[in-house]
Amino acid sequence: DALCHDWAAWDDTYAFVDAPYDEYRDSNL
């Protein structure tokens, strides 16, 4: 729950949901 809330509140995750980009995927996933 803490992990998911942390990721969900992260601005980069919001940006990734709106428009997925490789940098986020490569560095976080």
PDB file of all heavy atoms in Angstrom:
ATOM      1  N   ASP A   1       0.832  -1.200   0.000  1.00  0.00           N
ATOM      2  CA  ASP A   1       0.000   0.000   0.000  1.00  0.00           C
ATOM      3  C   ASP A   1       0.869   1.255   0.000  1.00  0.00           C
ATOM      4  O   ASP A   1       0.634   2.189  -0.779  1.00  0.00           O
ATOM      5  CB  ASP A   1      -0.924  -0.014   1.218  1.00  0.00           C
ATOM      6  CG  ASP A   1      -1.937   1.106   1.205  1.00  0.00           C
ATOM      7  OD1 ASP A   1      -2.654   1.246   0.185  1.00  0.00           O
ATOM      8  OD2 ASP A   1      -2.007   1.841   2.204  1.00  0.00           O
ATOM      9  N   ALA A   2       1.891   1.268   0.853  1.00  0.00           N
ATOM     10  CA  ALA A   2       2.798   2.424   0.890  1.00  0.00           C
ATOM     11  C   ALA A   2       3.550   2.570  -0.436  1.00  0.00           C
ATOM     12  O   ALA A   2       3.701   3.686  -0.962  1.00  0.00           O
ATOM     13  CB  ALA A   2       3.787   2.277   2.051  1.00  0.00           C
ATOM     14  N   LEU A   3       4.002   1.454  -0.986  1.00  0.00           N
ATOM     15  CA  LEU A   3       4.715   1.486  -2.263  1.00  0.00           C
ATOM     16  C   LEU A   3       3.819   2.032  -3.376  1.00  0.00           C
ATOM     17  O   LEU A   3       4.227   2.902  -4.152  1.00  0.00           O
ATOM     18  CB  LEU A   3       5.214   0.082  -2.609  1.00  0.00           C
ATOM     19  CG  LEU A   3       6.034  -0.063  -3.882  1.00  0.00           C
ATOM     20  CD1 LEU A   3       7.377   0.636  -3.726  1.00  0.00           C
ATOM     21  CD2 LEU A   3       6.239  -1.532  -4.204  1.00  0.00           C
ATOM     22  N   CYS A   4       2.595   1.542  -3.441  1.00  0.00           N
ATOM     23  CA  CYS A   4       1.665   1.993  -4.488  1.00  0.00           C
ATOM     24  C   CYS A   4       1.301   3.460  -4.314  1.00  0.00           C
ATOM     25  O   CYS A   4       1.230   4.208  -5.296  1.00  0.00           O
ATOM     26  CB  CYS A   4       0.408   1.125  -4.484  1.00  0.00           C
ATOM     27  SG  CYS A   4       0.702  -0.549  -5.084  1.00  0.00           S
ATOM     28  N   HIS A   5       1.051   3.879  -3.091  1.00  0.00           N
ATOM     29  CA  HIS A   5       0.738   5.292  -2.860  1.00  0.00           C
ATOM     30  C   HIS A   5       1.928   6.185  -3.219  1.00  0.00           C
ATOM     31  O   HIS A   5       1.747   7.278  -3.763  1.00  0.00           O
ATOM     32  CB  HIS A   5       0.308   5.520  -1.407  1.00  0.00           C
ATOM     33  CG  HIS A   5      -1.132   5.194  -1.168  1.00  0.00           C
ATOM     34  ND1 HIS A   5      -1.541   3.940  -0.795  1.00  0.00           N
ATOM     35  CD2 HIS A   5      -2.255   5.940  -1.283  1.00  0.00           C
ATOM     36  CE1 HIS A   5      -2.848   3.937  -0.668  1.00  0.00           C
ATOM     37  NE2 HIS A   5      -3.312   5.131  -0.964  1.00  0.00           N
ATOM     38  N   ASP A   6       3.118   5.725  -2.921  1.00  0.00           N
ATOM     39  CA  ASP A   6       4.314   6.493  -3.262  1.00  0.00           C
ATOM     40  C   ASP A   6       4.431   6.665  -4.774  1.00  0.00           C
ATOM     41  O   ASP A   6       4.642   7.764  -5.271  1.00  0.00           O
ATOM     42  CB  ASP A   6       5.548   5.792  -2.690  1.00  0.00           C
ATOM     43  CG  ASP A   6       6.824   6.562  -2.944  1.00  0.00           C
ATOM     44  OD1 ASP A   6       6.809   7.803  -2.797  1.00  0.00           O
ATOM     45  OD2 ASP A   6       7.833   5.922  -3.291  1.00  0.00           O
ATOM     46  N   TRP A   7       4.271   5.579  -5.500  1.00  0.00           N
ATOM     47  CA  TRP A   7       4.368   5.644  -6.965  1.00  0.00           C
ATOM     48  C   TRP A   7       3.218   6.458  -7.550  1.00  0.00           C
ATOM     49  O   TRP A   7       3.394   7.206  -8.506  1.00  0.00           O
ATOM     50  CB  TRP A   7       4.362   4.232  -7.558  1.00  0.00           C
ATOM     51  CG  TRP A   7       5.706   3.588  -7.562  1.00  0.00           C
ATOM     52  CD1 TRP A   7       6.583   3.489  -6.520  1.00  0.00           C
ATOM     53  CD2 TRP A   7       6.329   2.949  -8.672  1.00  0.00           C
ATOM     54  NE1 TRP A   7       7.701   2.809  -6.903  1.00  0.00           N
ATOM     55  CE2 TRP A   7       7.573   2.471  -8.226  1.00  0.00           C
ATOM     56  CE3 TRP A   7       5.952   2.710  -9.978  1.00  0.00           C
ATOM     57  CZ2 TRP A   7       8.446   1.785  -9.047  1.00  0.00           C
ATOM     58  CZ3 TRP A   7       6.808   2.023 -10.801  1.00  0.00           C
ATOM     59  CH2 TRP A   7       8.049   1.572 -10.335  1.00  0.00           C
ATOM     60  N   ALA A   8       2.020   6.293  -6.992  1.00  0.00           N
ATOM     61  CA  ALA A   8       0.852   6.996  -7.537  1.00  0.00           C
ATOM     62  C   ALA A   8       0.957   8.508  -7.335  1.00  0.00           C
ATOM     63  O   ALA A   8       0.450   9.285  -8.142  1.00  0.00           O
ATOM     64  CB  ALA A   8      -0.419   6.470  -6.887  1.00  0.00           C
ATOM     65  N   ALA A   9       1.610   8.937  -6.285  1.00  0.00           N
ATOM     66  CA  ALA A   9       1.720  10.370  -6.003  1.00  0.00           C
ATOM     67  C   ALA A   9       2.886  11.021  -6.743  1.00  0.00           C
ATOM     68  O   ALA A   9       3.044  12.246  -6.709  1.00  0.00           O
ATOM     69  CB  ALA A   9       1.893  10.575  -4.500  1.00  0.00           C
ATOM     70  N   TRP A  10       3.669  10.245  -7.404  1.00  0.00           N
ATOM     71  CA  TRP A  10       4.875  10.729  -8.062  1.00  0.00           C
ATOM     72  C   TRP A  10       4.504  11.406  -9.386  1.00  0.00           C
ATOM     73  O   TRP A  10       3.822  10.838 -10.238  1.00  0.00           O
ATOM     74  CB  TRP A  10       5.788   9.533  -8.287  1.00  0.00           C
ATOM     75  CG  TRP A  10       7.180   9.794  -8.663  1.00  0.00           C
ATOM     76  CD1 TRP A  10       7.890  10.942  -8.517  1.00  0.00           C
ATOM     77  CD2 TRP A  10       8.067   8.840  -9.258  1.00  0.00           C
ATOM     78  NE1 TRP A  10       9.157  10.778  -8.968  1.00  0.00           N
ATOM     79  CE2 TRP A  10       9.293   9.481  -9.438  1.00  0.00           C
ATOM     80  CE3 TRP A  10       7.945   7.518  -9.641  1.00  0.00           C
ATOM     81  CZ2 TRP A  10      10.401   8.854  -9.995  1.00  0.00           C
ATOM     82  CZ3 TRP A  10       9.033   6.892 -10.188  1.00  0.00           C
ATOM     83  CH2 TRP A  10      10.245   7.563 -10.357  1.00  0.00           C
ATOM     84  N   ASP A  11       4.955  12.641  -9.597  1.00  0.00           N
ATOM     85  CA  ASP A  11       4.625  13.398 -10.811  1.00  0.00           C
ATOM     86  C   ASP A  11       5.068  12.674 -12.079  1.00  0.00           C
ATOM     87  O   ASP A  11       4.369  12.718 -13.094  1.00  0.00           O
ATOM     88  CB  ASP A  11       5.265  14.794 -10.768  1.00  0.00           C
ATOM     89  CG  ASP A  11       4.615  15.687  -9.721  1.00  0.00           C
ATOM     90  OD1 ASP A  11       3.475  15.384  -9.314  1.00  0.00           O
ATOM     91  OD2 ASP A  11       5.245  16.680  -9.311  1.00  0.00           O
ATOM     92  N   ASP A  12       6.214  12.017 -12.027  1.00  0.00           N
ATOM     93  CA  ASP A  12       6.691  11.292 -13.208  1.00  0.00           C
ATOM     94  C   ASP A  12       5.732  10.159 -13.603  1.00  0.00           C
ATOM     95  O   ASP A  12       5.560   9.867 -14.787  1.00  0.00           O
ATOM     96  CB  ASP A  12       8.089  10.716 -12.963  1.00  0.00           C
ATOM     97  CG  ASP A  12       9.160  11.787 -12.922  1.00  0.00           C
ATOM     98  OD1 ASP A  12       8.877  12.931 -13.329  1.00  0.00           O
ATOM     99  OD2 ASP A  12      10.286  11.474 -12.482  1.00  0.00           O
ATOM    100  N   THR A  13       5.120   9.518 -12.604  1.00  0.00           N
ATOM    101  CA  THR A  13       4.164   8.454 -12.901  1.00  0.00           C
ATOM    102  C   THR A  13       2.924   9.043 -13.563  1.00  0.00           C
ATOM    103  O   THR A  13       2.390   8.469 -14.522  1.00  0.00           O
ATOM    104  CB  THR A  13       3.788   7.682 -11.619  1.00  0.00           C
ATOM    105  OG1 THR A  13       4.977   7.169 -11.013  1.00  0.00           O
ATOM    106  CG2 THR A  13       2.857   6.524 -11.927  1.00  0.00           C
ATOM    107  N   TYR A  14       2.463  10.192 -13.059  1.00  0.00           N
ATOM    108  CA  TYR A  14       1.323  10.859 -13.695  1.00  0.00           C
ATOM    109  C   TYR A  14       1.638  11.168 -15.156  1.00  0.00           C
ATOM    110  O   TYR A  14       0.820  10.936 -16.051  1.00  0.00           O
ATOM    111  CB  TYR A  14       0.980  12.169 -12.968  1.00  0.00           C
ATOM    112  CG  TYR A  14      -0.006  11.990 -11.853  1.00  0.00           C
ATOM    113  CD1 TYR A  14       0.417  11.755 -10.545  1.00  0.00           C
ATOM    114  CD2 TYR A  14      -1.362  12.069 -12.098  1.00  0.00           C
ATOM    115  CE1 TYR A  14      -0.482  11.590  -9.518  1.00  0.00           C
ATOM    116  CE2 TYR A  14      -2.286  11.923 -11.069  1.00  0.00           C
ATOM    117  CZ  TYR A  14      -1.840  11.682  -9.784  1.00  0.00           C
ATOM    118  OH  TYR A  14      -2.740  11.526  -8.773  1.00  0.00           O
ATOM    119  N   ALA A  15       2.820  11.703 -15.394  1.00  0.00           N
ATOM    120  CA  ALA A  15       3.213  12.036 -16.765  1.00  0.00           C
ATOM    121  C   ALA A  15       3.289  10.773 -17.624  1.00  0.00           C
ATOM    122  O   ALA A  15       2.887  10.786 -18.791  1.00  0.00           O
ATOM    123  CB  ALA A  15       4.559  12.763 -16.762  1.00  0.00           C
ATOM    124  N   PHE A  16       3.769   9.683 -17.059  1.00  0.00           N
ATOM    125  CA  PHE A  16       3.878   8.423 -17.792  1.00  0.00           C
ATOM    126  C   PHE A  16       2.498   7.884 -18.159  1.00  0.00           C
ATOM    127  O   PHE A  16       2.310   7.348 -19.248  1.00  0.00           O
ATOM    128  CB  PHE A  16       4.658   7.404 -16.963  1.00  0.00           C
ATOM    129  CG  PHE A  16       4.867   6.093 -17.647  1.00  0.00           C
ATOM    130  CD1 PHE A  16       5.773   5.975 -18.690  1.00  0.00           C
ATOM    131  CD2 PHE A  16       4.167   4.958 -17.254  1.00  0.00           C
ATOM    132  CE1 PHE A  16       5.985   4.761 -19.339  1.00  0.00           C
ATOM    133  CE2 PHE A  16       4.365   3.741 -17.882  1.00  0.00           C
ATOM    134  CZ  PHE A  16       5.273   3.644 -18.929  1.00  0.00           C
ATOM    135  N   VAL A  17       1.535   8.029 -17.262  1.00  0.00           N
ATOM    136  CA  VAL A  17       0.176   7.555 -17.552  1.00  0.00           C
ATOM    137  C   VAL A  17      -0.433   8.371 -18.690  1.00  0.00           C
ATOM    138  O   VAL A  17      -1.081   7.834 -19.585  1.00  0.00           O
ATOM    139  CB  VAL A  17      -0.710   7.603 -16.290  1.00  0.00           C
ATOM    140  CG1 VAL A  17      -2.181   7.357 -16.637  1.00  0.00           C
ATOM    141  CG2 VAL A  17      -0.236   6.583 -15.267  1.00  0.00           C
ATOM    142  N   ASP A  18      -0.193   9.683 -18.669  1.00  0.00           N
ATOM    143  CA  ASP A  18      -0.728  10.547 -19.734  1.00  0.00           C
ATOM    144  C   ASP A  18      -0.076  10.252 -21.081  1.00  0.00           C
ATOM    145  O   ASP A  18      -0.753  10.190 -22.106  1.00  0.00           O
ATOM    146  CB  ASP A  18      -0.531  12.018 -19.378  1.00  0.00           C
ATOM    147  CG  ASP A  18      -1.529  12.489 -18.335  1.00  0.00           C
ATOM    148  OD1 ASP A  18      -2.580  11.831 -18.179  1.00  0.00           O
ATOM    149  OD2 ASP A  18      -1.258  13.510 -17.677  1.00  0.00           O
ATOM    150  N   ALA A  19       1.233  10.104 -21.071  1.00  0.00           N
ATOM    151  CA  ALA A  19       1.971   9.866 -22.322  1.00  0.00           C
ATOM    152  C   ALA A  19       3.197   9.018 -21.998  1.00  0.00           C
ATOM    153  O   ALA A  19       4.241   9.556 -21.600  1.00  0.00           O
ATOM    154  CB  ALA A  19       2.393  11.192 -22.945  1.00  0.00           C
ATOM    155  N   PRO A  20       3.083   7.695 -22.131  1.00  0.00           N
ATOM    156  CA  PRO A  20       4.209   6.813 -21.798  1.00  0.00           C
ATOM    157  C   PRO A  20       5.474   7.188 -22.571  1.00  0.00           C
ATOM    158  O   PRO A  20       5.410   7.510 -23.746  1.00  0.00           O
ATOM    159  CB  PRO A  20       3.713   5.431 -22.215  1.00  0.00           C
ATOM    160  CG  PRO A  20       2.233   5.533 -22.194  1.00  0.00           C
ATOM    161  CD  PRO A  20       1.909   6.942 -22.579  1.00  0.00           C
ATOM    162  N   TYR A  21       6.595   7.192 -21.862  1.00  0.00           N
ATOM    163  CA  TYR A  21       7.862   7.516 -22.502  1.00  0.00           C
ATOM    164  C   TYR A  21       8.946   6.561 -22.007  1.00  0.00           C
ATOM    165  O   TYR A  21       8.896   6.043 -20.899  1.00  0.00           O
ATOM    166  CB  TYR A  21       8.239   8.987 -22.289  1.00  0.00           C
ATOM    167  CG  TYR A  21       8.302   9.435 -20.845  1.00  0.00           C
ATOM    168  CD1 TYR A  21       9.519   9.523 -20.186  1.00  0.00           C
ATOM    169  CD2 TYR A  21       7.147   9.794 -20.141  1.00  0.00           C
ATOM    170  CE1 TYR A  21       9.591   9.949 -18.872  1.00  0.00           C
ATOM    171  CE2 TYR A  21       7.211  10.217 -18.832  1.00  0.00           C
ATOM    172  CZ  TYR A  21       8.430  10.295 -18.197  1.00  0.00           C
ATOM    173  OH  TYR A  21       8.504  10.714 -16.898  1.00  0.00           O
ATOM    174  N   ASP A  22       9.910   6.330 -22.900  1.00  0.00           N
ATOM    175  CA  ASP A  22      10.941   5.315 -22.676  1.00  0.00           C
ATOM    176  C   ASP A  22      11.816   5.590 -21.469  1.00  0.00           C
ATOM    177  O   ASP A  22      12.206   4.655 -20.767  1.00  0.00           O
ATOM    178  CB  ASP A  22      11.825   5.172 -23.919  1.00  0.00           C
ATOM    179  CG  ASP A  22      11.076   4.553 -25.087  1.00  0.00           C
ATOM    180  OD1 ASP A  22      10.058   3.865 -24.830  1.00  0.00           O
ATOM    181  OD2 ASP A  22      11.492   4.758 -26.234  1.00  0.00           O
ATOM    182  N   GLU A  23      12.130   6.834 -21.187  1.00  0.00           N
ATOM    183  CA  GLU A  23      13.033   7.150 -20.072  1.00  0.00           C
ATOM    184  C   GLU A  23      12.443   6.659 -18.740  1.00  0.00           C
ATOM    185  O   GLU A  23      13.149   6.113 -17.896  1.00  0.00           O
ATOM    186  CB  GLU A  23      13.322   8.654 -19.991  1.00  0.00           C
ATOM    187  CG  GLU A  23      14.114   9.200 -21.156  1.00  0.00           C
ATOM    188  CD  GLU A  23      13.227   9.538 -22.363  1.00  0.00           C
ATOM    189  OE1 GLU A  23      11.994   9.724 -22.202  1.00  0.00           O
ATOM    190  OE2 GLU A  23      13.774   9.577 -23.468  1.00  0.00           O
ATOM    191  N   TYR A  24      11.146   6.904 -18.556  1.00  0.00           N
ATOM    192  CA  TYR A  24      10.487   6.453 -17.324  1.00  0.00           C
ATOM    193  C   TYR A  24      10.528   4.926 -17.252  1.00  0.00           C
ATOM    194  O   TYR A  24      10.879   4.361 -16.223  1.00  0.00           O
ATOM    195  CB  TYR A  24       9.036   6.938 -17.287  1.00  0.00           C
ATOM    196  CG  TYR A  24       8.300   6.532 -16.036  1.00  0.00           C
ATOM    197  CD1 TYR A  24       8.314   7.340 -14.912  1.00  0.00           C
ATOM    198  CD2 TYR A  24       7.602   5.321 -15.960  1.00  0.00           C
ATOM    199  CE1 TYR A  24       7.642   6.968 -13.754  1.00  0.00           C
ATOM    200  CE2 TYR A  24       6.939   4.942 -14.817  1.00  0.00           C
ATOM    201  CZ  TYR A  24       6.958   5.776 -13.715  1.00  0.00           C
ATOM    202  OH  TYR A  24       6.306   5.396 -12.569  1.00  0.00           O
ATOM    203  N   ARG A  25      10.154   4.296 -18.351  1.00  0.00           N
ATOM    204  CA  ARG A  25      10.123   2.831 -18.409  1.00  0.00           C
ATOM    205  C   ARG A  25      11.514   2.260 -18.127  1.00  0.00           C
ATOM    206  O   ARG A  25      11.660   1.344 -17.316  1.00  0.00           O
ATOM    207  CB  ARG A  25       9.628   2.389 -19.785  1.00  0.00           C
ATOM    208  CG  ARG A  25       9.342   0.926 -19.895  1.00  0.00           C
ATOM    209  CD  ARG A  25       8.798   0.530 -21.259  1.00  0.00           C
ATOM    210  NE  ARG A  25       7.626   1.300 -21.626  1.00  0.00           N
ATOM    211  CZ  ARG A  25       7.557   2.101 -22.693  1.00  0.00           C
ATOM    212  NH1 ARG A  25       8.576   2.223 -23.509  1.00  0.00           N
ATOM    213  NH2 ARG A  25       6.463   2.774 -22.951  1.00  0.00           N
ATOM    214  N   ASP A  26      12.536   2.808 -18.766  1.00  0.00           N
ATOM    215  CA  ASP A  26      13.897   2.280 -18.616  1.00  0.00           C
ATOM    216  C   ASP A  26      14.443   2.478 -17.209  1.00  0.00           C
ATOM    217  O   ASP A  26      15.119   1.602 -16.663  1.00  0.00           O
ATOM    218  CB  ASP A  26      14.832   2.938 -19.632  1.00  0.00           C
ATOM    219  CG  ASP A  26      14.478   2.561 -21.067  1.00  0.00           C
ATOM    220  OD1 ASP A  26      13.749   1.567 -21.260  1.00  0.00           O
ATOM    221  OD2 ASP A  26      14.923   3.291 -21.979  1.00  0.00           O
ATOM    222  N   SER A  27      14.151   3.614 -16.611  1.00  0.00           N
ATOM    223  CA  SER A  27      14.751   3.897 -15.303  1.00  0.00           C
ATOM    224  C   SER A  27      13.925   3.379 -14.124  1.00  0.00           C
ATOM    225  O   SER A  27      14.457   3.215 -13.025  1.00  0.00           O
ATOM    226  CB  SER A  27      14.988   5.397 -15.137  1.00  0.00           C
ATOM    227  OG  SER A  27      13.760   6.097 -15.160  1.00  0.00           O
ATOM    228  N   ASN A  28      12.640   3.090 -14.331  1.00  0.00           N
ATOM    229  CA  ASN A  28      11.791   2.724 -13.193  1.00  0.00           C
ATOM    230  C   ASN A  28      11.147   1.347 -13.278  1.00  0.00           C
ATOM    231  O   ASN A  28      10.687   0.834 -12.259  1.00  0.00           O
ATOM    232  CB  ASN A  28      10.671   3.758 -13.028  1.00  0.00           C
ATOM    233  CG  ASN A  28      11.205   5.112 -12.695  1.00  0.00           C
ATOM    234  OD1 ASN A  28      11.863   5.294 -11.683  1.00  0.00           O
ATOM    235  ND2 ASN A  28      10.946   6.081 -13.560  1.00  0.00           N
ATOM    236  N   LEU A  29      11.092   0.770 -14.447  1.00  0.00           N
ATOM    237  CA  LEU A  29      10.313  -0.455 -14.600  1.00  0.00           C
ATOM    238  C   LEU A  29      11.144  -1.647 -15.056  1.00  0.00           C
ATOM    239  O   LEU A  29      10.624  -2.594 -15.633  1.00  0.00           O
ATOM    240  CB  LEU A  29       9.155  -0.204 -15.578  1.00  0.00           C
ATOM    241  CG  LEU A  29       8.192   0.903 -15.147  1.00  0.00           C
ATOM    242  CD1 LEU A  29       7.186   1.196 -16.240  1.00  0.00           C
ATOM    243  CD2 LEU A  29       7.505   0.564 -13.841  1.00  0.00           C
TER     244      LEU A  29
END
